[in-house]
C-alpha atoms as a PDB file:
ATOM      1  CA  UNK A   1     157.836 240.033  69.000  1.00  0.00           C
ATOM      2  CA  UNK A   2     161.154 240.300  68.072  1.00  0.00           C
ATOM      3  CA  UNK A   3     164.303 239.384  70.309  1.00  0.00           C
ATOM      4  CA  UNK A   4     167.685 241.066  70.399  1.00  0.00           C
ATOM      5  CA  UNK A   5     169.183 237.220  71.057  1.00  0.00           C
ATOM      6  CA  UNK A   6     171.324 236.173  68.204  1.00  0.00           C
ATOM      7  CA  UNK A   7     170.116 232.683  66.811  1.00  0.00           C
ATOM      8  CA  UNK A   8     171.448 229.579  68.422  1.00  0.00           C
ATOM      9  CA  UNK A   9     173.399 227.147  66.209  1.00  0.00           C
ATOM     10  CA  UNK A  10     171.925 223.752  65.645  1.00  0.00           C
ATOM     11  CA  UNK A  11     173.523 220.923  64.133  1.00  0.00           C
ATOM     12  CA  UNK A  12     171.525 218.273  62.154  1.00  0.00           C
ATOM     13  CA  UNK A  13     170.681 216.138  65.490  1.00  0.00           C
ATOM     14  CA  UNK A  14     169.096 218.793  67.314  1.00  0.00           C
ATOM     15  CA  UNK A  15     167.086 219.905  64.321  1.00  0.00           C
ATOM     16  CA  UNK A  16     165.974 215.945  64.137  1.00  0.00           C
ATOM     17  CA  UNK A  17     165.444 215.949  67.924  1.00  0.00           C
ATOM     18  CA  UNK A  18     163.686 219.544  67.470  1.00  0.00           C
ATOM     19  CA  UNK A  19     161.554 217.887  64.528  1.00  0.00           C
ATOM     20  CA  UNK A  20     160.241 214.767  66.178  1.00  0.00           C
ATOM     21  CA  UNK A  21     159.606 216.755  69.697  1.00  0.00           C
ATOM     22  CA  UNK A  22     157.374 219.442  67.300  1.00  0.00           C
ATOM     23  CA  UNK A  23     155.252 216.244  65.973  1.00  0.00           C
ATOM     24  CA  UNK A  24     155.110 214.722  69.445  1.00  0.00           C
ATOM     25  CA  UNK A  25     155.788 216.409  72.386  1.00  0.00           C
ATOM     26  CA  UNK A  26     154.756 213.639  74.787  1.00  0.00           C
ATOM     27  CA  UNK A  27     157.639 211.253  72.802  1.00  0.00           C
ATOM     28  CA  UNK A  28     159.602 209.273  75.233  1.00  0.00           C
ATOM     29  CA  UNK A  29     163.825 209.863  75.079  1.00  0.00           C
ATOM     30  CA  UNK A  30     163.502 206.272  73.913  1.00  0.00           C
ATOM     31  CA  UNK A  31     161.025 206.659  71.604  1.00  0.00           C
ATOM     32  CA  UNK A  32     163.018 209.608  69.749  1.00  0.00           C
ATOM     33  CA  UNK A  33     166.516 207.896  70.039  1.00  0.00           C
ATOM     34  CA  UNK A  34     165.150 205.042  67.922  1.00  0.00           C
ATOM     35  CA  UNK A  35     163.838 207.577  65.135  1.00  0.00           C
ATOM     36  CA  UNK A  36     167.492 209.424  65.788  1.00  0.00           C
ATOM     37  CA  UNK A  37     169.738 206.795  65.962  1.00  0.00           C
ATOM     38  CA  UNK A  38     170.682 207.687  69.713  1.00  0.00           C
ATOM     39  CA  UNK A  39     170.447 206.779  72.823  1.00  0.00           C
ATOM     40  CA  UNK A  40     167.894 207.481  75.263  1.00  0.00           C
ATOM     41  CA  UNK A  41     170.427 209.218  77.640  1.00  0.00           C
ATOM     42  CA  UNK A  42     172.136 211.294  74.536  1.00  0.00           C
ATOM     43  CA  UNK A  43     168.692 212.478  73.789  1.00  0.00           C
ATOM     44  CA  UNK A  44     167.873 213.625  77.148  1.00  0.00           C
ATOM     45  CA  UNK A  45     171.008 215.437  77.285  1.00  0.00           C
ATOM     46  CA  UNK A  46     170.694 217.089  74.094  1.00  0.00           C
ATOM     47  CA  UNK A  47     166.991 217.913  74.911  1.00  0.00           C
ATOM     48  CA  UNK A  48     168.034 219.311  78.216  1.00  0.00           C
ATOM     49  CA  UNK A  49     170.669 221.394  76.352  1.00  0.00           C
ATOM     50  CA  UNK A  50     168.580 222.814  74.111  1.00  0.00           C
ATOM     51  CA  UNK A  51     166.202 223.723  77.019  1.00  0.00           C
ATOM     52  CA  UNK A  52     169.326 225.348  78.755  1.00  0.00           C
ATOM     53  CA  UNK A  53     169.753 227.545  75.416  1.00  0.00           C
ATOM     54  CA  UNK A  54     166.043 228.726  75.466  1.00  0.00           C
ATOM     55  CA  UNK A  55     165.257 226.756  71.919  1.00  0.00           C
ATOM     56  CA  UNK A  56     162.761 224.587  73.686  1.00  0.00           C
ATOM     57  CA  UNK A  57     160.645 226.843  76.301  1.00  0.00           C
ATOM     58  CA  UNK A  58     158.286 224.259  77.184  1.00  0.00           C
ATOM     59  CA  UNK A  59     155.821 221.495  76.605  1.00  0.00           C
ATOM     60  CA  UNK A  60     152.230 222.162  75.828  1.00  0.00           C
ATOM     61  CA  UNK A  61     149.244 220.407  74.777  1.00  0.00           C
ATOM     62  CA  UNK A  62     147.313 221.679  71.446  1.00  0.00           C
ATOM     63  CA  UNK A  63     143.312 220.702  71.320  1.00  0.00           C
ATOM     64  CA  UNK A  64     141.248 220.282  68.445  1.00  0.00           C
ATOM     65  CA  UNK A  65     138.272 222.679  68.902  1.00  0.00           C
ATOM     66  CA  UNK A  66     136.092 220.682  66.442  1.00  0.00           C
ATOM     67  CA  UNK A  67     136.585 217.301  68.199  1.00  0.00           C
ATOM     68  CA  UNK A  68     135.741 219.294  71.320  1.00  0.00           C
ATOM     69  CA  UNK A  69     132.591 220.757  69.900  1.00  0.00           C
ATOM     70  CA  UNK A  70     133.902 224.366  69.854  1.00  0.00           C
ATOM     71  CA  UNK A  71     132.322 225.440  66.908  1.00  0.00           C
ATOM     72  CA  UNK A  72     131.797 229.319  67.837  1.00  0.00           C
ATOM     73  CA  UNK A  73     134.747 231.574  66.537  1.00  0.00           C
ATOM     74  CA  UNK A  74     135.912 234.919  67.177  1.00  0.00           C
ATOM     75  CA  UNK A  75     138.448 237.310  66.622  1.00  0.00           C
ATOM     76  CA  UNK A  76     139.134 239.752  69.565  1.00  0.00           C
ATOM     77  CA  UNK A  77     141.444 242.702  69.642  1.00  0.00           C
ATOM     78  CA  UNK A  78     143.089 243.322  72.779  1.00  0.00           C
ATOM     79  CA  UNK A  79     143.773 246.586  73.908  1.00  0.00           C
ATOM     80  CA  UNK A  80     146.586 246.794  76.865  1.00  0.00           C
ATOM     81  CA  UNK A  81     147.973 249.475  79.229  1.00  0.00           C
ATOM     82  CA  UNK A  82     150.989 251.625  78.276  1.00  0.00           C
ATOM     83  CA  UNK A  83     153.996 249.507  78.210  1.00  0.00           C
ATOM     84  CA  UNK A  84     152.766 245.754  78.356  1.00  0.00           C
ATOM     85  CA  UNK A  85     155.111 243.630  76.735  1.00  0.00           C
ATOM     86  CA  UNK A  86     154.460 241.013  74.134  1.00  0.00           C
ATOM     87  CA  UNK A  87     155.577 238.296  76.247  1.00  0.00           C
ATOM     88  CA  UNK A  88     153.223 239.829  78.880  1.00  0.00           C
ATOM     89  CA  UNK A  89     150.573 239.393  76.865  1.00  0.00           C
ATOM     90  CA  UNK A  90     151.559 235.841  75.415  1.00  0.00           C
ATOM     91  CA  UNK A  91     151.870 234.501  79.085  1.00  0.00           C
ATOM     92  CA  UNK A  92     148.272 236.000  79.718  1.00  0.00           C
ATOM     93  CA  UNK A  93     146.676 234.382  76.621  1.00  0.00           C
ATOM     94  CA  UNK A  94     148.613 230.914  76.706  1.00  0.00           C
ATOM     95  CA  UNK A  95     146.330 229.848  79.786  1.00  0.00           C
ATOM     96  CA  UNK A  96     143.121 229.833  77.895  1.00  0.00           C
ATOM     97  CA  UNK A  97     142.627 226.774  75.759  1.00  0.00           C
ATOM     98  CA  UNK A  98     140.173 228.292  73.641  1.00  0.00           C
ATOM     99  CA  UNK A  99     142.995 230.929  72.228  1.00  0.00           C
ATOM    100  CA  UNK A 100     143.188 228.924  68.833  1.00  0.00           C
ATOM    101  CA  UNK A 101     146.193 231.775  67.393  1.00  0.00           C
ATOM    102  CA  UNK A 102     147.542 235.356  68.643  1.00  0.00           C
ATOM    103  CA  UNK A 103     149.206 238.073  66.818  1.00  0.00           C
ATOM    104  CA  UNK A 104     150.453 241.259  67.978  1.00  0.00           C
ATOM    105  CA  UNK A 105     149.318 243.807  65.010  1.00  0.00           C
ATOM    106  CA  UNK A 106     149.935 247.310  64.155  1.00  0.00           C
ATOM    107  CA  UNK A 107     147.221 249.684  64.692  1.00  0.00           C
ATOM    108  CA  UNK A 108     145.331 250.878  67.913  1.00  0.00           C
ATOM    109  CA  UNK A 109     144.587 247.138  69.533  1.00  0.00           C
ATOM    110  CA  UNK A 110     147.878 244.938  70.881  1.00  0.00           C
ATOM    111  CA  UNK A 111     146.744 241.810  69.977  1.00  0.00           C
ATOM    112  CA  UNK A 112     144.667 239.713  67.619  1.00  0.00           C
ATOM    113  CA  UNK A 113     143.225 236.807  69.263  1.00  0.00           C
ATOM    114  CA  UNK A 114     141.453 233.938  67.492  1.00  0.00           C
ATOM    115  CA  UNK A 115     139.063 232.216  70.193  1.00  0.00           C
ATOM    116  CA  UNK A 116     136.804 228.988  69.053  1.00  0.00           C
ATOM    117  CA  UNK A 117     134.227 228.229  71.469  1.00  0.00           C
ATOM    118  CA  UNK A 118     131.141 225.559  72.490  1.00  0.00           C
ATOM    119  CA  UNK A 119     128.201 228.912  72.091  1.00  0.00           C
ATOM    120  CA  UNK A 120     128.027 232.310  72.222  1.00  0.00           C
ATOM    121  CA  UNK A 121     128.193 232.273  76.496  1.00  0.00           C
ATOM    122  CA  UNK A 122     131.451 229.972  76.677  1.00  0.00           C
ATOM    123  CA  UNK A 123     132.511 232.794  74.002  1.00  0.00           C
ATOM    124  CA  UNK A 124     131.568 235.734  76.195  1.00  0.00           C
ATOM    125  CA  UNK A 125     133.011 233.622  79.795  1.00  0.00           C
ATOM    126  CA  UNK A 126     136.255 233.393  77.637  1.00  0.00           C
ATOM    127  CA  UNK A 127     136.275 237.230  76.576  1.00  0.00           C
ATOM    128  CA  UNK A 128     135.576 238.235  79.888  1.00  0.00           C
ATOM    129  CA  UNK A 129     138.202 235.977  81.566  1.00  0.00           C
ATOM    130  CA  UNK A 130     141.047 237.890  79.231  1.00  0.00           C
ATOM    131  CA  UNK A 131     139.457 241.183  80.165  1.00  0.00           C
ATOM    132  CA  UNK A 132     140.210 240.940  83.794  1.00  0.00           C
ATOM    133  CA  UNK A 133     143.887 240.074  82.859  1.00  0.00           C
ATOM    134  CA  UNK A 134     146.420 242.348  84.413  1.00  0.00           C
ATOM    135  CA  UNK A 135     147.431 244.496  81.320  1.00  0.00           C
ATOM    136  CA  UNK A 136     144.083 244.449  79.611  1.00  0.00           C
ATOM    137  CA  UNK A 137     142.069 247.278  79.428  1.00  0.00           C
ATOM    138  CA  UNK A 138     139.485 246.601  76.789  1.00  0.00           C
ATOM    139  CA  UNK A 139     138.248 244.071  74.335  1.00  0.00           C
ATOM    140  CA  UNK A 140     136.585 244.679  70.705  1.00  0.00           C
ATOM    141  CA  UNK A 141     135.404 241.397  69.616  1.00  0.00           C
ATOM    142  CA  UNK A 142     133.839 240.198  66.045  1.00  0.00           C
ATOM    143  CA  UNK A 143     131.963 236.608  65.785  1.00  0.00           C
ATOM    144  CA  UNK A 144     132.336 234.368  62.765  1.00  0.00           C
ATOM    145  CA  UNK A 145     129.258 233.931  61.000  1.00  0.00           C
ATOM    146  CA  UNK A 146     130.568 231.871  58.392  1.00  0.00           C
ATOM    147  CA  UNK A 147     134.034 230.804  56.649  1.00  0.00           C
ATOM    148  CA  UNK A 148     134.431 231.967  53.097  1.00  0.00           C
ATOM    149  CA  UNK A 149     138.322 230.740  52.956  1.00  0.00           C
ATOM    150  CA  UNK A 150     140.552 228.027  55.039  1.00  0.00           C
END
């Protein structure tokens, strides 16, 4: 997913704030300020500016599939209608906590999605919900039997 926008110029303080946010997106401005030697107000102002410039697009929760008991894995090829933008695919997939990772790919499928679920019933329900998303025509799934590397 490439962008026609030029990269944003960041100073060292911006990079430091982004690193702290990347480690803990729930950290308060005061906590980040202590780590970056800034006031909470200065941190808020800088993060607001980074959000306005599109560098920070949002905040999210990252779940640990193993702690949730999601031991069933699958890779799902997603095939979309013509002219479905990668941004649309991303917006659809972001709502599913079972999506571990997703990529746009070359070849016939438009995206490859890595899912984790509690069992095959849970996996089937997630795949069916993905297939009902606007823009999705069909999917093809491969369930992981055992992990060889990684």
